[in-house]
Amino acid sequence: MMFTSFSSTARLARLAVVASLPVLISSAAIADEEGEEHYDIGVWNDNGVLRTGGWDHDTETLEVAGLRVFEGHFGEDPDFPFAIDEPGIGGVAAELGLPIGATLNLNLASGLRIWNGNGFDADNATSMFIDYGPESIDSLTGGSIDFLISEDYDLHPIYSIDPNSIAGSYLLEFNVAMDGFATSDSFWIAFNFGLDDEDFEASVEWVEGNLVPAPGAIGLLAMAGLASRRRRA
């Protein structure tokens, strides 16, 4: 087998969690109750190029046009300590310039890495899965998941981690693609699995400062144009 950290029993438990998606308490709801900031992954069309930003379902707007680092927190629902359904992928197709009925591909661009205090190590024995319906991505072997763009979509894959993983900040790199558009730049999801909040935020800041390039003039103009389009709507 390509992966050894999940037993067959654990894998069946993971699939049971996926099947329970309608009743899984999302961390978005918890974050809203605590007054914390939460963004889903908002994919938008920048003149034929896919970009990622922070989508707020409460305001139904792209609050941060150029967001490329997202967060997930395991353990917020005690009934599902090893699985979460955040961040989701969402938005209003017309506002984000995406065609209704198109297929959005979420692609894993690199394997799982763990925070070492000064960066992220790629050499680790644990693994994660991303599941959406019958489709699945294994962090050890890669893969992609397809999502259908509807008029107002709110899609939540299940992220699950090996229960035997040590506490830490875990990082996955993705991109998104769609026929007729240029593939997005990489974006990252940092997952907190039992790490102190301050240490986890230090790991997120490292990703933002070391992996995400500063937006150039063209990127800044694109963000300004998107904000202007929202104000005129």
Protein backbone atom coordinates (compact mmCIF):
# COMPACT_ATOMS: atom_id res chain seq x y z
CA MET A 1 0.00 0.00 0.00
CA MET A 2 1.11 3.59 -0.64
CA PHE A 3 0.17 4.73 2.87
CA THR A 4 0.65 2.93 6.17
CA SER A 5 -0.51 5.34 8.88
CA PHE A 6 -4.24 4.65 8.43
CA SER A 7 -5.50 1.23 9.45
CA SER A 8 -8.49 -0.21 7.58
CA THR A 9 -10.63 0.52 10.66
CA ALA A 10 -9.53 4.16 10.68
CA ARG A 11 -10.25 4.48 7.00
CA LEU A 12 -13.77 3.12 7.48
CA ALA A 13 -14.23 5.67 10.26
CA ARG A 14 -13.10 8.41 7.87
CA LEU A 15 -15.66 7.34 5.29
CA ALA A 16 -18.34 7.33 8.00
CA VAL A 17 -17.47 10.95 8.77
CA VAL A 18 -17.81 11.84 5.08
CA ALA A 19 -21.22 10.18 5.01
CA SER A 20 -22.27 12.31 7.98
CA LEU A 21 -21.50 15.60 6.20
CA PRO A 22 -25.08 16.99 6.56
CA VAL A 23 -24.81 16.85 10.38
CA LEU A 24 -21.16 17.78 10.77
CA ILE A 25 -20.87 21.04 12.73
CA SER A 26 -18.74 23.37 10.65
CA SER A 27 -16.02 25.46 12.21
CA ALA A 28 -17.50 28.44 10.33
CA ALA A 29 -20.52 28.39 12.60
CA ILE A 30 -18.28 28.10 15.66
CA ALA A 31 -16.09 30.93 14.47
CA ASP A 32 -19.11 33.16 13.89
CA GLU A 33 -20.39 32.47 17.39
CA GLU A 34 -17.02 33.44 18.86
CA GLY A 35 -16.82 36.58 16.73
CA GLU A 36 -13.72 35.37 14.92
CA GLU A 37 -12.90 36.08 11.29
CA HIS A 38 -13.53 33.19 8.90
CA TYR A 39 -13.19 33.03 5.13
CA ASP A 40 -13.98 30.31 2.66
CA ILE A 41 -11.89 29.96 -0.49
CA GLY A 42 -13.41 32.33 -3.03
CA VAL A 43 -12.26 31.61 -6.59
CA TRP A 44 -12.70 34.53 -8.98
CA ASN A 45 -12.05 35.38 -12.60
CA ASP A 46 -9.35 37.99 -13.20
CA ASN A 47 -9.61 38.53 -16.98
CA GLY A 48 -9.36 34.82 -17.70
CA VAL A 49 -7.01 33.96 -14.83
CA LEU A 50 -8.32 32.19 -11.72
CA ARG A 51 -7.46 33.89 -8.42
CA THR A 52 -8.25 33.00 -4.82
CA GLY A 53 -9.63 35.33 -2.17
CA GLY A 54 -11.50 35.33 1.11
CA TRP A 55 -15.24 34.76 0.62
CA ASP A 56 -17.59 35.75 3.46
CA HIS A 57 -20.93 33.91 3.35
CA ASP A 58 -22.46 36.29 5.90
CA THR A 59 -22.00 39.30 3.61
CA GLU A 60 -21.97 37.30 0.33
CA THR A 61 -18.90 39.23 -0.80
CA LEU A 62 -15.25 38.65 -1.58
CA GLU A 63 -13.85 40.46 1.44
CA VAL A 64 -10.17 39.85 0.58
CA ALA A 65 -9.41 39.63 -3.13
CA GLY A 66 -5.86 38.31 -2.94
CA LEU A 67 -6.00 35.82 -0.06
CA ARG A 68 -3.79 32.76 -0.59
CA VAL A 69 -3.39 31.35 2.92
CA PHE A 70 -6.37 29.74 4.65
CA GLU A 71 -6.82 28.00 8.00
CA GLY A 72 -8.46 24.86 9.31
CA HIS A 73 -8.73 23.82 12.97
CA PHE A 74 -9.13 20.20 14.00
CA GLY A 75 -10.92 19.47 17.27
CA GLU A 76 -13.44 22.30 17.25
CA ASP A 77 -16.22 19.71 17.16
CA PRO A 78 -15.47 17.12 19.89
CA ASP A 79 -17.57 14.53 18.07
CA PHE A 80 -15.22 14.70 15.07
CA PRO A 81 -11.73 15.41 16.50
CA PHE A 82 -9.89 14.21 13.39
CA ALA A 83 -12.11 15.70 10.67
CA ILE A 84 -13.27 19.18 9.68
CA ASP A 85 -15.22 20.69 6.79
CA GLU A 86 -13.47 24.07 6.69
CA PRO A 87 -12.33 25.94 4.75
CA GLY A 88 -15.04 25.49 2.15
CA ILE A 89 -15.12 26.75 -1.41
CA GLY A 90 -17.90 29.23 -2.05
CA GLY A 91 -19.24 32.28 -3.77
CA VAL A 92 -21.83 33.81 -6.05
CA ALA A 93 -20.93 32.89 -9.61
CA ALA A 94 -22.08 36.14 -11.22
CA GLU A 95 -20.15 38.29 -8.77
CA LEU A 96 -16.96 36.28 -9.16
CA GLY A 97 -17.16 36.05 -12.95
CA LEU A 98 -17.50 32.26 -13.11
CA PRO A 99 -19.81 30.41 -15.52
CA ILE A 100 -22.69 28.54 -13.89
CA GLY A 101 -22.44 24.82 -14.62
CA ALA A 102 -18.66 24.86 -15.05
CA THR A 103 -16.41 22.37 -13.25
CA LEU A 104 -13.80 23.66 -10.85
CA ASN A 105 -10.83 21.36 -10.22
CA LEU A 106 -9.11 21.46 -6.81
CA ASN A 107 -5.60 20.05 -7.28
CA LEU A 108 -3.10 19.07 -4.59
CA ALA A 109 0.20 20.67 -5.62
CA SER A 110 2.52 19.29 -2.93
CA GLY A 111 2.54 16.77 -0.10
CA LEU A 112 1.87 17.31 3.58
CA ARG A 113 4.41 19.29 5.60
CA ILE A 114 4.69 19.97 9.35
CA TRP A 115 5.86 23.09 11.19
CA ASN A 116 9.29 22.81 12.85
CA GLY A 117 9.36 26.24 14.47
CA ASN A 118 11.28 27.88 11.62
CA GLY A 119 9.64 26.45 8.52
CA PHE A 120 7.82 23.36 7.29
CA ASP A 121 9.39 19.91 6.90
CA ALA A 122 8.27 17.70 4.02
CA ASP A 123 9.62 14.51 5.61
CA ASN A 124 6.90 13.18 7.92
CA ALA A 125 5.07 9.91 8.37
CA THR A 126 1.52 11.19 8.76
CA SER A 127 -1.13 11.71 6.10
CA MET A 128 -4.34 13.58 5.37
CA PHE A 129 -7.33 12.97 3.12
CA ILE A 130 -9.66 15.42 1.42
CA ASP A 131 -13.03 13.87 0.53
CA TYR A 132 -16.01 15.23 -1.37
CA GLY A 133 -18.70 12.70 -2.22
CA PRO A 134 -17.04 9.76 -3.98
CA GLU A 135 -13.88 11.73 -4.80
CA SER A 136 -10.82 11.75 -2.58
CA ILE A 137 -7.31 13.22 -2.40
CA ASP A 138 -4.58 11.41 -0.45
CA SER A 139 -1.78 13.70 0.71
CA LEU A 140 0.75 10.92 0.06
CA THR A 141 -0.28 10.17 -3.52
CA GLY A 142 -1.89 13.43 -4.68
CA GLY A 143 -4.99 13.88 -6.77
CA SER A 144 -7.81 16.31 -7.50
CA ILE A 145 -11.50 16.87 -6.74
CA ASP A 146 -14.12 18.37 -9.06
CA PHE A 147 -16.75 20.87 -7.88
CA LEU A 148 -19.77 22.09 -9.85
CA ILE A 149 -20.26 25.85 -9.93
CA SER A 150 -23.88 26.83 -9.24
CA GLU A 151 -25.44 30.26 -8.91
CA ASP A 152 -24.69 30.54 -5.18
CA TYR A 153 -22.45 27.68 -4.09
CA ASP A 154 -21.12 26.67 -0.67
CA LEU A 155 -19.06 23.51 -1.04
CA HIS A 156 -17.36 21.83 1.92
CA PRO A 157 -14.97 18.92 1.44
CA ILE A 158 -14.01 16.88 4.50
CA TYR A 159 -10.37 17.17 5.62
CA SER A 160 -9.28 14.27 7.85
CA ILE A 161 -5.96 13.60 9.56
CA ASP A 162 -4.36 10.39 10.79
CA PRO A 163 -5.46 10.09 14.43
CA ASN A 164 -1.90 9.03 15.34
CA SER A 165 -0.43 12.33 14.13
CA ILE A 166 1.55 14.41 16.60
CA ALA A 167 0.28 17.86 17.56
CA GLY A 168 1.39 20.48 15.08
CA SER A 169 0.65 22.83 12.22
CA TYR A 170 0.24 20.92 8.95
CA LEU A 171 0.44 22.51 5.52
CA LEU A 172 -0.99 21.55 2.13
CA GLU A 173 -0.51 23.43 -1.15
CA PHE A 174 -3.24 23.56 -3.80
CA ASN A 175 -4.25 25.26 -7.02
CA VAL A 176 -7.56 25.45 -8.87
CA ALA A 177 -8.25 25.01 -12.58
CA MET A 178 -11.21 25.34 -14.95
CA ASP A 179 -11.58 24.84 -18.70
CA GLY A 180 -11.19 28.15 -20.51
CA PHE A 181 -9.24 29.83 -17.70
CA ALA A 182 -5.60 30.00 -16.68
CA THR A 183 -4.85 27.91 -13.59
CA SER A 184 -4.55 29.81 -10.33
CA ASP A 185 -1.33 30.45 -8.48
CA SER A 186 -0.71 28.15 -5.53
CA PHE A 187 -2.59 28.72 -2.30
CA TRP A 188 -2.08 27.05 1.06
CA ILE A 189 -4.20 25.67 3.89
CA ALA A 190 -2.58 25.48 7.33
CA PHE A 191 -4.26 23.01 9.68
CA ASN A 192 -3.96 23.26 13.45
CA PHE A 193 -3.93 19.82 15.08
CA GLY A 194 -3.64 20.42 18.82
CA LEU A 195 -0.97 23.13 18.62
CA ASP A 196 -0.97 26.19 20.85
CA ASP A 197 -2.84 29.02 19.09
CA GLU A 198 0.13 31.40 19.31
CA ASP A 199 2.50 28.85 17.78
CA PHE A 200 -0.03 28.04 15.07
CA GLU A 201 -0.44 31.70 14.12
CA ALA A 202 3.36 31.99 13.95
CA SER A 203 3.34 29.16 11.40
CA VAL A 204 0.62 30.89 9.34
CA GLU A 205 2.57 34.15 9.37
CA TRP A 206 5.64 32.26 8.15
CA VAL A 207 3.67 30.93 5.17
CA GLU A 208 2.37 34.41 4.38
CA GLY A 209 5.84 35.91 4.61
CA ASN A 210 7.88 33.20 2.89
CA LEU A 211 5.70 31.33 0.40
CA VAL A 212 3.26 33.99 -0.81
CA PRO A 213 4.90 36.64 -3.03
CA ALA A 214 3.89 40.25 -2.49
CA PRO A 215 1.28 41.35 -5.07
CA GLY A 216 2.75 43.22 -7.99
CA ALA A 217 1.27 46.33 -9.55
CA ILE A 218 -0.89 44.30 -11.93
CA GLY A 219 -2.28 42.24 -9.04
CA LEU A 220 -3.08 45.35 -7.03
CA LEU A 221 -4.90 46.89 -9.98
CA ALA A 222 -6.90 43.68 -10.45
CA MET A 223 -7.95 43.73 -6.79
CA ALA A 224 -8.96 47.38 -7.05
CA GLY A 225 -11.01 46.64 -10.16
CA LEU A 226 -12.81 43.79 -8.42
CA ALA A 227 -13.67 46.00 -5.45
CA SER A 228 -14.95 48.70 -7.80
CA ARG A 229 -17.15 46.17 -9.61
CA ARG A 230 -18.66 45.09 -6.27
CA ARG A 231 -19.46 48.68 -5.31
CA ARG A 232 -21.22 49.31 -8.62
CA ALA A 233 -23.31 46.12 -8.33
